[in-house]
Amino acid sequence: MSKLHIFDMDGTLLYGSTASVEISRQVGKLDAAADIENGWRHGEIGDVRFWELCLPLWQGISDEDIDRAFEAAPWLDGIAAVFADIAARGEYSTVISQSPLFFVQRLLRWGAGSAYGARVEPGGRSSSDLLLTTEDKVTIACELMDGYGLIPADCVAYGDSSSDVALFNLLPYTVAVNGSASIRQLAAVGYDGTDLREAYAAGRSVLWGDGSADSADATLEPPNLETRT
């Protein structure tokens, strides 16, 4: 039977950063974005208000600007290699993020099997019907499992923070990637570092349930997988 690997993006694939910060950095609005992020993190700003404040910062941004923000962002090493390894095994990968879909979808270029995010646009409106919530992560994961004919025990989730709690409660196999204290307590295994190949090896280990990666483990070693380009 196949497997499904579910990745968060901000703080997980993106090391210590978020899409909103990286886009705002590209357009010279980093300080404003950092203030908005801090307000959201401390519960002073709700999800809808967060985007009401962020989206005007990006008014007039071009696809080329977004591409530059994407390429310059602090991604973990080995992302494309991990997606390629998953596909080569006949397994599935997906990225589910609360960040803008137009940014998350760029991971399809690196081999992600599917991508989900908030359907907001630079300079556009913010409303609850456009956003992706923590509960939506669970809904999307369940829909993917149904579509692929899988059950929770066939999946492993990789996440870092409170937005991943609901999904981590659903699945038995989970990896806290540079995770917060709350997510570490829920995770089957934790990883701290800057190479997704290592977190992925940990995920395969718990997924196969024997304390070690499966028999194709050799392909997971960082020297044997191409780094992201």
N, C-alpha and C. Protein backbone atom coordinates (compact mmCIF):
# COMPACT_ATOMS: atom_id res chain seq x y z
N MET A 1 0.84 -1.20 0.00
CA MET A 1 0.00 0.00 0.00
C MET A 1 0.88 1.24 0.00
N SER A 2 0.43 2.30 -0.64
CA SER A 2 1.20 3.53 -0.73
C SER A 2 1.14 4.31 0.58
N LYS A 3 1.84 5.44 0.60
CA LYS A 3 1.90 6.30 1.76
C LYS A 3 1.65 7.75 1.34
N LEU A 4 1.27 8.57 2.31
CA LEU A 4 1.05 9.99 2.08
C LEU A 4 1.88 10.79 3.08
N HIS A 5 2.69 11.73 2.56
CA HIS A 5 3.52 12.60 3.38
C HIS A 5 2.94 14.01 3.32
N ILE A 6 2.57 14.55 4.48
CA ILE A 6 1.87 15.83 4.57
C ILE A 6 2.80 16.85 5.23
N PHE A 7 3.13 17.91 4.50
CA PHE A 7 4.08 18.91 4.98
C PHE A 7 3.39 20.25 5.24
N ASP A 8 3.67 20.82 6.40
CA ASP A 8 3.41 22.22 6.64
C ASP A 8 4.51 23.01 5.92
N MET A 9 4.31 24.32 5.72
CA MET A 9 5.34 25.12 5.04
C MET A 9 6.03 26.10 5.98
N ASP A 10 5.30 27.09 6.51
CA ASP A 10 5.92 28.11 7.34
C ASP A 10 6.52 27.49 8.60
N GLY A 11 7.81 27.72 8.82
CA GLY A 11 8.47 27.18 10.00
C GLY A 11 8.85 25.72 9.87
N THR A 12 8.38 25.05 8.83
CA THR A 12 8.68 23.63 8.62
C THR A 12 9.59 23.49 7.40
N LEU A 13 9.05 23.69 6.21
CA LEU A 13 9.90 23.72 5.02
C LEU A 13 10.68 25.03 4.96
N LEU A 14 10.04 26.12 5.41
CA LEU A 14 10.72 27.41 5.54
C LEU A 14 11.35 27.47 6.92
N TYR A 15 12.65 27.64 6.97
CA TYR A 15 13.36 27.62 8.25
C TYR A 15 13.24 28.97 8.96
N GLY A 16 12.49 28.99 10.08
CA GLY A 16 12.38 30.17 10.90
C GLY A 16 11.73 31.36 10.24
N SER A 17 10.90 31.14 9.24
CA SER A 17 10.28 32.26 8.55
C SER A 17 8.92 31.84 8.00
N THR A 18 8.25 32.81 7.39
CA THR A 18 6.93 32.57 6.81
C THR A 18 6.87 33.20 5.42
N ALA A 19 5.90 32.78 4.64
CA ALA A 19 5.72 33.36 3.31
C ALA A 19 5.44 34.85 3.39
N SER A 20 4.62 35.28 4.36
CA SER A 20 4.28 36.70 4.44
C SER A 20 5.51 37.55 4.74
N VAL A 21 6.40 37.06 5.56
CA VAL A 21 7.64 37.78 5.85
C VAL A 21 8.52 37.86 4.61
N GLU A 22 8.66 36.74 3.90
CA GLU A 22 9.56 36.72 2.75
C GLU A 22 9.03 37.56 1.59
N ILE A 23 7.72 37.55 1.38
CA ILE A 23 7.14 38.40 0.34
C ILE A 23 7.32 39.87 0.71
N SER A 24 7.06 40.18 1.97
CA SER A 24 7.18 41.57 2.43
C SER A 24 8.63 42.03 2.38
N ARG A 25 9.55 41.15 2.66
CA ARG A 25 10.97 41.50 2.55
C ARG A 25 11.30 41.92 1.11
N GLN A 26 10.74 41.20 0.16
CA GLN A 26 11.02 41.46 -1.25
C GLN A 26 10.54 42.85 -1.67
N VAL A 27 9.44 43.32 -1.09
CA VAL A 27 8.88 44.62 -1.49
C VAL A 27 9.26 45.72 -0.50
N GLY A 28 10.20 45.45 0.40
CA GLY A 28 10.68 46.48 1.31
C GLY A 28 9.74 46.80 2.45
N LYS A 29 8.88 45.84 2.83
CA LYS A 29 7.90 46.08 3.90
C LYS A 29 8.12 45.09 5.06
N LEU A 30 9.36 44.71 5.29
CA LEU A 30 9.65 43.68 6.29
C LEU A 30 9.24 44.10 7.69
N ASP A 31 9.53 45.34 8.08
CA ASP A 31 9.19 45.78 9.44
C ASP A 31 7.69 45.74 9.68
N ALA A 32 6.93 46.19 8.70
CA ALA A 32 5.47 46.17 8.85
C ALA A 32 4.96 44.75 8.96
N ALA A 33 5.50 43.85 8.15
CA ALA A 33 5.08 42.44 8.20
C ALA A 33 5.45 41.81 9.53
N ALA A 34 6.62 42.14 10.06
CA ALA A 34 7.05 41.58 11.34
C ALA A 34 6.11 42.02 12.46
N ASP A 35 5.66 43.27 12.42
CA ASP A 35 4.71 43.75 13.43
C ASP A 35 3.39 43.01 13.34
N ILE A 36 2.93 42.77 12.12
CA ILE A 36 1.67 42.04 11.92
C ILE A 36 1.82 40.61 12.43
N GLU A 37 2.93 39.96 12.09
CA GLU A 37 3.19 38.59 12.55
C GLU A 37 3.20 38.52 14.07
N ASN A 38 3.85 39.48 14.70
CA ASN A 38 3.93 39.48 16.17
C ASN A 38 2.55 39.67 16.79
N GLY A 39 1.75 40.53 16.19
CA GLY A 39 0.40 40.73 16.70
C GLY A 39 -0.45 39.48 16.58
N TRP A 40 -0.31 38.78 15.46
CA TRP A 40 -1.04 37.52 15.28
C TRP A 40 -0.56 36.45 16.27
N ARG A 41 0.76 36.37 16.43
CA ARG A 41 1.35 35.35 17.31
C ARG A 41 0.91 35.54 18.75
N HIS A 42 0.72 36.78 19.16
CA HIS A 42 0.32 37.06 20.53
C HIS A 42 -1.19 37.16 20.71
N GLY A 43 -1.94 36.79 19.68
CA GLY A 43 -3.39 36.76 19.79
C GLY A 43 -4.06 38.12 19.71
N GLU A 44 -3.32 39.14 19.30
CA GLU A 44 -3.87 40.48 19.21
C GLU A 44 -4.57 40.71 17.87
N ILE A 45 -4.25 39.88 16.88
CA ILE A 45 -4.80 39.99 15.53
C ILE A 45 -5.35 38.63 15.11
N GLY A 46 -6.59 38.59 14.65
CA GLY A 46 -7.17 37.34 14.18
C GLY A 46 -6.76 37.04 12.75
N ASP A 47 -7.19 35.89 12.25
CA ASP A 47 -6.76 35.45 10.91
C ASP A 47 -7.23 36.38 9.81
N VAL A 48 -8.49 36.80 9.84
CA VAL A 48 -9.01 37.68 8.79
C VAL A 48 -8.29 39.03 8.84
N ARG A 49 -8.14 39.57 10.04
CA ARG A 49 -7.46 40.86 10.19
C ARG A 49 -6.00 40.77 9.75
N PHE A 50 -5.37 39.63 10.01
CA PHE A 50 -3.98 39.44 9.59
C PHE A 50 -3.83 39.73 8.10
N TRP A 51 -4.71 39.14 7.29
CA TRP A 51 -4.60 39.34 5.85
C TRP A 51 -5.10 40.70 5.43
N GLU A 52 -6.04 41.29 6.16
CA GLU A 52 -6.46 42.66 5.87
C GLU A 52 -5.29 43.62 5.98
N LEU A 53 -4.36 43.31 6.89
CA LEU A 53 -3.19 44.16 7.08
C LEU A 53 -2.05 43.80 6.12
N CYS A 54 -1.89 42.53 5.84
CA CYS A 54 -0.78 42.07 5.00
C CYS A 54 -0.99 42.36 3.51
N LEU A 55 -2.15 42.05 3.02
CA LEU A 55 -2.37 42.09 1.56
C LEU A 55 -2.11 43.47 0.95
N PRO A 56 -2.48 44.58 1.62
CA PRO A 56 -2.17 45.89 1.03
C PRO A 56 -0.67 46.15 0.90
N LEU A 57 0.15 45.50 1.73
CA LEU A 57 1.60 45.68 1.63
C LEU A 57 2.12 45.19 0.29
N TRP A 58 1.40 44.28 -0.34
CA TRP A 58 1.87 43.64 -1.58
C TRP A 58 1.16 44.17 -2.82
N GLN A 59 0.44 45.27 -2.67
CA GLN A 59 -0.26 45.84 -3.81
C GLN A 59 0.71 46.07 -4.96
N GLY A 60 0.38 45.55 -6.15
CA GLY A 60 1.20 45.78 -7.32
C GLY A 60 2.40 44.86 -7.48
N ILE A 61 2.57 43.91 -6.59
CA ILE A 61 3.71 42.98 -6.71
C ILE A 61 3.54 42.13 -7.97
N SER A 62 4.64 41.85 -8.63
CA SER A 62 4.59 41.05 -9.86
C SER A 62 4.90 39.59 -9.58
N ASP A 63 4.58 38.74 -10.54
CA ASP A 63 4.93 37.33 -10.42
C ASP A 63 6.44 37.16 -10.29
N GLU A 64 7.18 38.01 -10.98
CA GLU A 64 8.64 37.94 -10.89
C GLU A 64 9.13 38.28 -9.49
N ASP A 65 8.49 39.26 -8.85
CA ASP A 65 8.83 39.60 -7.46
C ASP A 65 8.56 38.42 -6.53
N ILE A 66 7.41 37.76 -6.75
CA ILE A 66 7.06 36.61 -5.92
C ILE A 66 8.05 35.48 -6.15
N ASP A 67 8.43 35.27 -7.41
CA ASP A 67 9.44 34.25 -7.71
C ASP A 67 10.75 34.55 -6.97
N ARG A 68 11.15 35.82 -6.97
CA ARG A 68 12.40 36.19 -6.30
C ARG A 68 12.29 35.97 -4.79
N ALA A 69 11.12 36.31 -4.22
CA ALA A 69 10.92 36.07 -2.79
C ALA A 69 10.98 34.59 -2.49
N PHE A 70 10.37 33.80 -3.33
CA PHE A 70 10.35 32.35 -3.15
C PHE A 70 11.76 31.78 -3.21
N GLU A 71 12.52 32.16 -4.21
CA GLU A 71 13.86 31.61 -4.39
C GLU A 71 14.81 32.06 -3.28
N ALA A 72 14.63 33.27 -2.77
CA ALA A 72 15.53 33.80 -1.76
C ALA A 72 15.16 33.37 -0.35
N ALA A 73 14.01 32.76 -0.17
CA ALA A 73 13.55 32.38 1.16
C ALA A 73 14.45 31.30 1.78
N PRO A 74 14.50 31.24 3.11
CA PRO A 74 15.38 30.29 3.81
C PRO A 74 14.77 28.88 3.88
N TRP A 75 14.72 28.20 2.76
CA TRP A 75 14.18 26.85 2.71
C TRP A 75 15.15 25.85 3.34
N LEU A 76 14.61 24.78 3.90
CA LEU A 76 15.46 23.67 4.30
C LEU A 76 16.15 23.10 3.07
N ASP A 77 17.31 22.52 3.26
CA ASP A 77 17.99 21.83 2.17
C ASP A 77 17.25 20.54 1.82
N GLY A 78 17.37 20.11 0.57
CA GLY A 78 16.90 18.79 0.17
C GLY A 78 15.42 18.65 -0.09
N ILE A 79 14.69 19.76 -0.23
CA ILE A 79 13.24 19.66 -0.42
C ILE A 79 12.90 18.94 -1.73
N ALA A 80 13.49 19.36 -2.82
CA ALA A 80 13.20 18.72 -4.11
C ALA A 80 13.61 17.25 -4.09
N ALA A 81 14.70 16.94 -3.42
CA ALA A 81 15.16 15.55 -3.33
C ALA A 81 14.16 14.68 -2.57
N VAL A 82 13.58 15.22 -1.52
CA VAL A 82 12.59 14.47 -0.75
C VAL A 82 11.33 14.22 -1.58
N PHE A 83 10.84 15.27 -2.24
CA PHE A 83 9.65 15.08 -3.09
C PHE A 83 9.93 14.05 -4.18
N ALA A 84 11.13 14.09 -4.75
CA ALA A 84 11.47 13.14 -5.81
C ALA A 84 11.53 11.72 -5.27
N ASP A 85 12.06 11.55 -4.08
CA ASP A 85 12.16 10.21 -3.49
C ASP A 85 10.77 9.65 -3.20
N ILE A 86 9.88 10.50 -2.68
CA ILE A 86 8.51 10.06 -2.41
C ILE A 86 7.83 9.60 -3.70
N ALA A 87 7.96 10.39 -4.76
CA ALA A 87 7.34 10.02 -6.03
C ALA A 87 7.95 8.76 -6.61
N ALA A 88 9.26 8.59 -6.47
CA ALA A 88 9.94 7.42 -7.01
C ALA A 88 9.47 6.13 -6.33
N ARG A 89 9.02 6.22 -5.11
CA ARG A 89 8.51 5.06 -4.38
C ARG A 89 7.03 4.80 -4.68
N GLY A 90 6.42 5.62 -5.51
CA GLY A 90 5.00 5.48 -5.78
C GLY A 90 4.13 6.00 -4.65
N GLU A 91 4.68 6.89 -3.84
CA GLU A 91 3.94 7.48 -2.72
C GLU A 91 3.50 8.89 -3.07
N TYR A 92 2.80 9.54 -2.13
CA TYR A 92 2.21 10.85 -2.39
C TYR A 92 2.76 11.89 -1.41
N SER A 93 2.88 13.12 -1.90
CA SER A 93 3.27 14.24 -1.03
C SER A 93 2.30 15.38 -1.24
N THR A 94 2.10 16.16 -0.19
CA THR A 94 1.27 17.35 -0.27
C THR A 94 1.81 18.38 0.71
N VAL A 95 1.60 19.65 0.38
CA VAL A 95 1.92 20.76 1.28
C VAL A 95 0.62 21.48 1.58
N ILE A 96 0.29 21.58 2.88
CA ILE A 96 -0.93 22.24 3.32
C ILE A 96 -0.52 23.37 4.25
N SER A 97 -0.82 24.60 3.84
CA SER A 97 -0.34 25.78 4.57
C SER A 97 -1.43 26.82 4.69
N GLN A 98 -1.35 27.62 5.75
CA GLN A 98 -2.26 28.75 5.89
C GLN A 98 -1.78 29.97 5.10
N SER A 99 -0.60 29.88 4.51
CA SER A 99 -0.06 30.98 3.72
C SER A 99 -0.73 31.03 2.35
N PRO A 100 -0.45 32.09 1.57
CA PRO A 100 -1.14 32.25 0.29
C PRO A 100 -0.87 31.11 -0.68
N LEU A 101 -1.92 30.65 -1.32
CA LEU A 101 -1.80 29.55 -2.28
C LEU A 101 -0.84 29.92 -3.40
N PHE A 102 -0.83 31.19 -3.81
CA PHE A 102 0.05 31.58 -4.92
C PHE A 102 1.52 31.39 -4.57
N PHE A 103 1.86 31.37 -3.29
CA PHE A 103 3.23 31.10 -2.87
C PHE A 103 3.44 29.60 -2.66
N VAL A 104 2.51 28.95 -1.99
CA VAL A 104 2.62 27.52 -1.71
C VAL A 104 2.72 26.72 -3.00
N GLN A 105 1.94 27.10 -4.01
CA GLN A 105 1.92 26.36 -5.27
C GLN A 105 3.27 26.32 -5.98
N ARG A 106 4.12 27.25 -5.67
CA ARG A 106 5.44 27.24 -6.29
C ARG A 106 6.25 26.01 -5.88
N LEU A 107 5.87 25.36 -4.80
CA LEU A 107 6.53 24.11 -4.41
C LEU A 107 6.22 22.96 -5.37
N LEU A 108 5.18 23.11 -6.18
CA LEU A 108 4.91 22.11 -7.22
C LEU A 108 6.07 22.05 -8.21
N ARG A 109 6.75 23.16 -8.39
CA ARG A 109 7.90 23.20 -9.30
C ARG A 109 9.04 22.32 -8.78
N TRP A 110 9.09 22.12 -7.49
CA TRP A 110 10.13 21.29 -6.88
C TRP A 110 9.67 19.86 -6.68
N GLY A 111 8.46 19.53 -7.14
CA GLY A 111 8.01 18.15 -7.12
C GLY A 111 6.96 17.80 -6.10
N ALA A 112 6.43 18.77 -5.35
CA ALA A 112 5.33 18.47 -4.43
C ALA A 112 4.16 17.90 -5.22
N GLY A 113 3.52 16.89 -4.66
CA GLY A 113 2.42 16.25 -5.36
C GLY A 113 1.18 17.12 -5.46
N SER A 114 0.92 17.91 -4.43
CA SER A 114 -0.21 18.84 -4.43
C SER A 114 0.09 19.94 -3.42
N ALA A 115 -0.66 21.04 -3.51
CA ALA A 115 -0.40 22.18 -2.64
C ALA A 115 -1.72 22.87 -2.31
N TYR A 116 -1.87 23.29 -1.05
CA TYR A 116 -3.07 23.95 -0.58
C TYR A 116 -2.69 25.16 0.26
N GLY A 117 -3.45 26.24 0.12
CA GLY A 117 -3.19 27.44 0.90
C GLY A 117 -4.37 28.39 0.85
N ALA A 118 -4.21 29.54 1.48
CA ALA A 118 -5.25 30.56 1.49
C ALA A 118 -5.41 31.16 0.10
N ARG A 119 -6.64 31.38 -0.32
CA ARG A 119 -6.92 31.87 -1.67
C ARG A 119 -6.99 33.40 -1.70
N VAL A 120 -6.02 34.01 -1.03
CA VAL A 120 -5.92 35.47 -1.02
C VAL A 120 -4.96 35.91 -2.13
N GLU A 121 -5.07 37.18 -2.51
CA GLU A 121 -4.23 37.73 -3.57
C GLU A 121 -3.65 39.07 -3.13
N PRO A 122 -2.47 39.42 -3.61
CA PRO A 122 -1.87 40.71 -3.25
C PRO A 122 -2.82 41.87 -3.54
N GLY A 123 -3.03 42.71 -2.54
CA GLY A 123 -3.92 43.85 -2.70
C GLY A 123 -5.40 43.50 -2.69
N GLY A 124 -5.72 42.22 -2.53
CA GLY A 124 -7.10 41.77 -2.57
C GLY A 124 -7.78 41.79 -1.21
N ARG A 125 -8.92 41.14 -1.16
CA ARG A 125 -9.72 41.15 0.06
C ARG A 125 -9.36 39.98 0.97
N SER A 126 -9.74 40.12 2.22
CA SER A 126 -9.59 39.03 3.19
C SER A 126 -10.96 38.71 3.77
N SER A 127 -11.31 37.44 3.74
CA SER A 127 -12.55 37.00 4.37
C SER A 127 -12.38 35.53 4.74
N SER A 128 -13.18 35.09 5.69
CA SER A 128 -13.01 33.73 6.21
C SER A 128 -13.17 32.67 5.14
N ASP A 129 -13.96 32.94 4.10
CA ASP A 129 -14.16 31.92 3.06
C ASP A 129 -12.93 31.72 2.20
N LEU A 130 -11.96 32.62 2.27
CA LEU A 130 -10.74 32.50 1.47
C LEU A 130 -9.59 31.87 2.24
N LEU A 131 -9.74 31.76 3.54
CA LEU A 131 -8.63 31.33 4.37
C LEU A 131 -8.61 29.82 4.56
N LEU A 132 -7.48 29.33 5.00
CA LEU A 132 -7.31 27.91 5.31
C LEU A 132 -7.01 27.81 6.80
N THR A 133 -7.86 27.12 7.54
CA THR A 133 -7.73 27.02 8.99
C THR A 133 -7.02 25.73 9.40
N THR A 134 -6.73 25.63 10.68
CA THR A 134 -6.13 24.39 11.19
C THR A 134 -7.07 23.20 10.98
N GLU A 135 -8.38 23.46 11.11
CA GLU A 135 -9.34 22.38 10.88
C GLU A 135 -9.38 22.00 9.40
N ASP A 136 -9.17 22.97 8.53
CA ASP A 136 -9.13 22.67 7.10
C ASP A 136 -7.97 21.73 6.77
N LYS A 137 -6.88 21.84 7.51
CA LYS A 137 -5.76 20.92 7.27
C LYS A 137 -6.21 19.48 7.46
N VAL A 138 -6.99 19.25 8.50
CA VAL A 138 -7.51 17.90 8.76
C VAL A 138 -8.47 17.48 7.66
N THR A 139 -9.36 18.39 7.27
CA THR A 139 -10.33 18.07 6.21
C THR A 139 -9.64 17.70 4.91
N ILE A 140 -8.63 18.49 4.53
CA ILE A 140 -7.91 18.22 3.29
C ILE A 140 -7.17 16.89 3.39
N ALA A 141 -6.53 16.65 4.52
CA ALA A 141 -5.81 15.38 4.70
C ALA A 141 -6.76 14.19 4.57
N CYS A 142 -7.94 14.30 5.17
CA CYS A 142 -8.91 13.21 5.09
C CYS A 142 -9.41 13.02 3.66
N GLU A 143 -9.62 14.10 2.94
CA GLU A 143 -10.06 14.00 1.54
C GLU A 143 -8.97 13.34 0.69
N LEU A 144 -7.72 13.68 0.93
CA LEU A 144 -6.63 13.05 0.20
C LEU A 144 -6.54 11.56 0.52
N MET A 145 -6.67 11.23 1.79
CA MET A 145 -6.65 9.81 2.17
C MET A 145 -7.76 9.04 1.47
N ASP A 146 -8.96 9.61 1.47
CA ASP A 146 -10.08 8.94 0.79
C ASP A 146 -9.78 8.77 -0.70
N GLY A 147 -9.25 9.81 -1.31
CA GLY A 147 -8.97 9.74 -2.73
C GLY A 147 -7.90 8.73 -3.10
N TYR A 148 -6.91 8.57 -2.21
CA TYR A 148 -5.82 7.63 -2.46
C TYR A 148 -6.09 6.24 -1.89
N GLY A 149 -7.21 6.08 -1.20
CA GLY A 149 -7.52 4.79 -0.59
C GLY A 149 -6.62 4.46 0.59
N LEU A 150 -6.29 5.47 1.39
CA LEU A 150 -5.39 5.30 2.53
C LEU A 150 -6.12 5.53 3.84
N ILE A 151 -5.48 5.14 4.94
CA ILE A 151 -5.99 5.38 6.29
C ILE A 151 -4.93 6.19 7.05
N PRO A 152 -5.27 6.74 8.22
CA PRO A 152 -4.29 7.54 8.97
C PRO A 152 -2.96 6.85 9.20
N ALA A 153 -2.97 5.54 9.40
CA ALA A 153 -1.73 4.82 9.65
C ALA A 153 -0.83 4.72 8.41
N ASP A 154 -1.33 5.17 7.27
CA ASP A 154 -0.53 5.19 6.04
C ASP A 154 0.11 6.56 5.81
N CYS A 155 -0.04 7.47 6.77
CA CYS A 155 0.38 8.85 6.56
C CYS A 155 1.39 9.29 7.61
N VAL A 156 2.21 10.27 7.25
CA VAL A 156 3.08 10.93 8.21
C VAL A 156 3.01 12.42 7.94
N ALA A 157 2.87 13.20 9.03
CA ALA A 157 2.78 14.65 8.92
C ALA A 157 4.04 15.29 9.50
N TYR A 158 4.46 16.39 8.86
CA TYR A 158 5.63 17.14 9.28
C TYR A 158 5.18 18.57 9.58
N GLY A 159 5.38 19.04 10.82
CA GLY A 159 4.92 20.37 11.18
C GLY A 159 5.73 20.95 12.33
N ASP A 160 5.42 22.21 12.67
CA ASP A 160 6.26 22.88 13.66
C ASP A 160 5.52 23.61 14.76
N SER A 161 4.20 23.84 14.61
CA SER A 161 3.57 24.76 15.56
C SER A 161 2.10 24.44 15.79
N SER A 162 1.43 25.39 16.45
CA SER A 162 0.04 25.17 16.85
C SER A 162 -0.88 24.91 15.66
N SER A 163 -0.55 25.43 14.50
CA SER A 163 -1.40 25.21 13.33
C SER A 163 -1.43 23.74 12.91
N ASP A 164 -0.51 22.95 13.43
CA ASP A 164 -0.43 21.53 13.08
C ASP A 164 -1.00 20.60 14.15
N VAL A 165 -1.46 21.17 15.26
CA VAL A 165 -1.92 20.35 16.38
C VAL A 165 -3.07 19.44 15.99
N ALA A 166 -4.08 19.98 15.31
CA ALA A 166 -5.24 19.15 14.95
C ALA A 166 -4.83 17.98 14.06
N LEU A 167 -3.95 18.24 13.12
CA LEU A 167 -3.48 17.17 12.22
C LEU A 167 -2.64 16.15 12.98
N PHE A 168 -1.81 16.62 13.89
CA PHE A 168 -0.99 15.71 14.69
C PHE A 168 -1.86 14.85 15.62
N ASN A 169 -2.99 15.40 16.04
CA ASN A 169 -3.91 14.61 16.86
C ASN A 169 -4.62 13.54 16.04
N LEU A 170 -4.76 13.78 14.74
CA LEU A 170 -5.43 12.82 13.87
C LEU A 170 -4.53 11.65 13.50
N LEU A 171 -3.26 11.92 13.25
CA LEU A 171 -2.36 10.91 12.69
C LEU A 171 -1.43 10.32 13.75
N PRO A 172 -1.18 9.03 13.67
CA PRO A 172 -0.28 8.40 14.64
C PRO A 172 1.20 8.66 14.36
N TYR A 173 1.54 8.99 13.11
CA TYR A 173 2.94 9.16 12.73
C TYR A 173 3.20 10.62 12.34
N THR A 174 3.99 11.28 13.17
CA THR A 174 4.20 12.72 13.00
C THR A 174 5.64 13.08 13.35
N VAL A 175 6.13 14.14 12.69
CA VAL A 175 7.50 14.63 12.92
C VAL A 175 7.43 16.12 13.24
N ALA A 176 7.91 16.50 14.42
CA ALA A 176 8.04 17.91 14.77
C ALA A 176 9.35 18.41 14.16
N VAL A 177 9.26 19.33 13.22
CA VAL A 177 10.44 19.86 12.53
C VAL A 177 10.74 21.24 13.11
N ASN A 178 11.84 21.33 13.87
CA ASN A 178 12.18 22.58 14.56
C ASN A 178 10.93 23.09 15.31
N GLY A 179 10.31 22.18 16.01
CA GLY A 179 8.98 22.42 16.54
C GLY A 179 8.91 23.19 17.84
N SER A 180 7.75 23.78 18.07
CA SER A 180 7.44 24.43 19.34
C SER A 180 7.25 23.35 20.41
N ALA A 181 7.22 23.80 21.67
CA ALA A 181 7.07 22.85 22.78
C ALA A 181 5.77 22.06 22.66
N SER A 182 4.69 22.73 22.25
CA SER A 182 3.40 22.06 22.19
C SER A 182 3.38 20.97 21.12
N ILE A 183 4.01 21.23 19.98
CA ILE A 183 3.97 20.24 18.91
C ILE A 183 4.95 19.10 19.20
N ARG A 184 6.03 19.38 19.90
CA ARG A 184 6.98 18.32 20.26
C ARG A 184 6.32 17.28 21.16
N GLN A 185 5.43 17.75 22.04
CA GLN A 185 4.76 16.83 22.96
C GLN A 185 3.84 15.87 22.22
N LEU A 186 3.30 16.29 21.08
CA LEU A 186 2.38 15.45 20.32
C LEU A 186 3.09 14.55 19.32
N ALA A 187 4.27 14.95 18.89
CA ALA A 187 4.94 14.28 17.77
C ALA A 187 5.47 12.91 18.16
N ALA A 188 5.48 12.00 17.20
CA ALA A 188 6.09 10.69 17.41
C ALA A 188 7.61 10.80 17.47
N VAL A 189 8.15 11.80 16.75
CA VAL A 189 9.60 12.00 16.73
C VAL A 189 9.86 13.47 16.41
N GLY A 190 11.00 13.98 16.88
CA GLY A 190 11.35 15.36 16.62
C GLY A 190 12.63 15.46 15.81
N TYR A 191 12.74 16.54 15.04
CA TYR A 191 13.95 16.81 14.27
C TYR A 191 14.28 18.30 14.39
N ASP A 192 15.53 18.60 14.68
CA ASP A 192 16.01 19.97 14.68
C ASP A 192 17.18 20.07 13.72
N GLY A 193 17.07 20.97 12.77
CA GLY A 193 18.14 21.11 11.79
C GLY A 193 17.65 21.78 10.54
N THR A 194 18.47 21.73 9.51
CA THR A 194 18.18 22.48 8.28
C THR A 194 18.14 21.61 7.03
N ASP A 195 17.98 20.30 7.19
CA ASP A 195 17.96 19.39 6.04
C ASP A 195 16.71 18.53 6.08
N LEU A 196 15.82 18.74 5.12
CA LEU A 196 14.56 17.99 5.12
C LEU A 196 14.79 16.50 4.93
N ARG A 197 15.88 16.13 4.29
CA ARG A 197 16.15 14.71 4.09
C ARG A 197 16.27 13.98 5.41
N GLU A 198 16.82 14.64 6.40
CA GLU A 198 16.97 14.02 7.72
C GLU A 198 15.63 13.91 8.44
N ALA A 199 14.81 14.96 8.34
CA ALA A 199 13.47 14.88 8.93
C ALA A 199 12.63 13.81 8.23
N TYR A 200 12.78 13.71 6.92
CA TYR A 200 12.07 12.70 6.13
C TYR A 200 12.50 11.29 6.51
N ALA A 201 13.79 11.09 6.74
CA ALA A 201 14.27 9.78 7.20
C ALA A 201 13.65 9.42 8.53
N ALA A 202 13.51 10.40 9.43
CA ALA A 202 12.84 10.16 10.71
C ALA A 202 11.38 9.82 10.50
N GLY A 203 10.74 10.50 9.54
CA GLY A 203 9.35 10.20 9.24
C GLY A 203 9.16 8.81 8.70
N ARG A 204 10.05 8.37 7.81
CA ARG A 204 9.94 7.01 7.28
C ARG A 204 10.15 5.99 8.40
N SER A 205 11.03 6.31 9.34
CA SER A 205 11.30 5.40 10.44
C SER A 205 10.04 5.13 11.26
N VAL A 206 9.34 6.21 11.66
CA VAL A 206 8.14 6.00 12.47
C VAL A 206 7.00 5.43 11.62
N LEU A 207 6.97 5.78 10.36
CA LEU A 207 5.91 5.28 9.48
C LEU A 207 5.97 3.77 9.33
N TRP A 208 7.19 3.24 9.26
CA TRP A 208 7.36 1.80 9.13
C TRP A 208 7.35 1.09 10.48
N GLY A 209 7.41 1.86 11.57
CA GLY A 209 7.14 1.32 12.89
C GLY A 209 8.16 0.37 13.46
N ASP A 210 9.39 0.39 12.92
CA ASP A 210 10.37 -0.55 13.46
C ASP A 210 11.60 0.15 14.02
N GLY A 211 11.49 1.50 14.18
CA GLY A 211 12.60 2.22 14.75
C GLY A 211 13.71 2.52 13.77
N SER A 212 13.55 2.13 12.53
CA SER A 212 14.56 2.42 11.52
C SER A 212 13.86 2.67 10.20
N ALA A 213 14.53 3.35 9.30
CA ALA A 213 13.93 3.60 8.00
C ALA A 213 13.81 2.30 7.23
N ASP A 214 12.98 2.29 6.18
CA ASP A 214 12.73 1.06 5.46
C ASP A 214 13.93 0.63 4.64
N SER A 215 13.78 -0.45 3.91
CA SER A 215 14.93 -1.08 3.27
C SER A 215 15.57 -0.23 2.19
N ALA A 216 14.88 0.80 1.71
CA ALA A 216 15.47 1.69 0.71
C ALA A 216 16.14 2.89 1.36
N ASP A 217 16.49 2.75 2.63
CA ASP A 217 17.02 3.84 3.44
C ASP A 217 18.24 4.50 2.83
N ALA A 218 19.02 3.80 2.05
CA ALA A 218 20.26 4.36 1.53
C ALA A 218 20.00 5.62 0.71
N THR A 219 18.86 5.70 0.05
CA THR A 219 18.59 6.87 -0.77
C THR A 219 18.29 8.11 0.05
N LEU A 220 18.11 7.95 1.36
CA LEU A 220 17.74 9.08 2.20
C LEU A 220 18.95 9.82 2.75
N GLU A 221 20.13 9.23 2.65
CA GLU A 221 21.30 9.89 3.20
C GLU A 221 21.60 11.16 2.41
N PRO A 222 21.82 12.31 3.09
CA PRO A 222 22.03 13.57 2.39
C PRO A 222 23.06 13.52 1.27
N PRO A 223 24.22 12.84 1.41
CA PRO A 223 25.17 12.84 0.31
C PRO A 223 24.67 12.15 -0.95
N ASN A 224 23.65 11.30 -0.81
CA ASN A 224 23.17 10.53 -1.96
C ASN A 224 21.95 11.12 -2.64
N LEU A 225 21.49 12.28 -2.13
CA LEU A 225 20.34 12.94 -2.74
C LEU A 225 20.75 14.33 -3.21
N GLU A 226 20.29 14.72 -4.36
CA GLU A 226 20.62 16.05 -4.86
C GLU A 226 20.01 17.12 -3.95
N THR A 227 20.73 18.19 -3.75
CA THR A 227 20.18 19.31 -2.99
C THR A 227 19.26 20.12 -3.86
N ARG A 228 18.44 20.96 -3.22
CA ARG A 228 17.50 21.81 -3.95
C ARG A 228 18.26 22.76 -4.86
N THR A 229 17.76 22.91 -6.07
CA THR A 229 18.33 23.90 -6.98
C THR A 229 17.24 24.85 -7.46
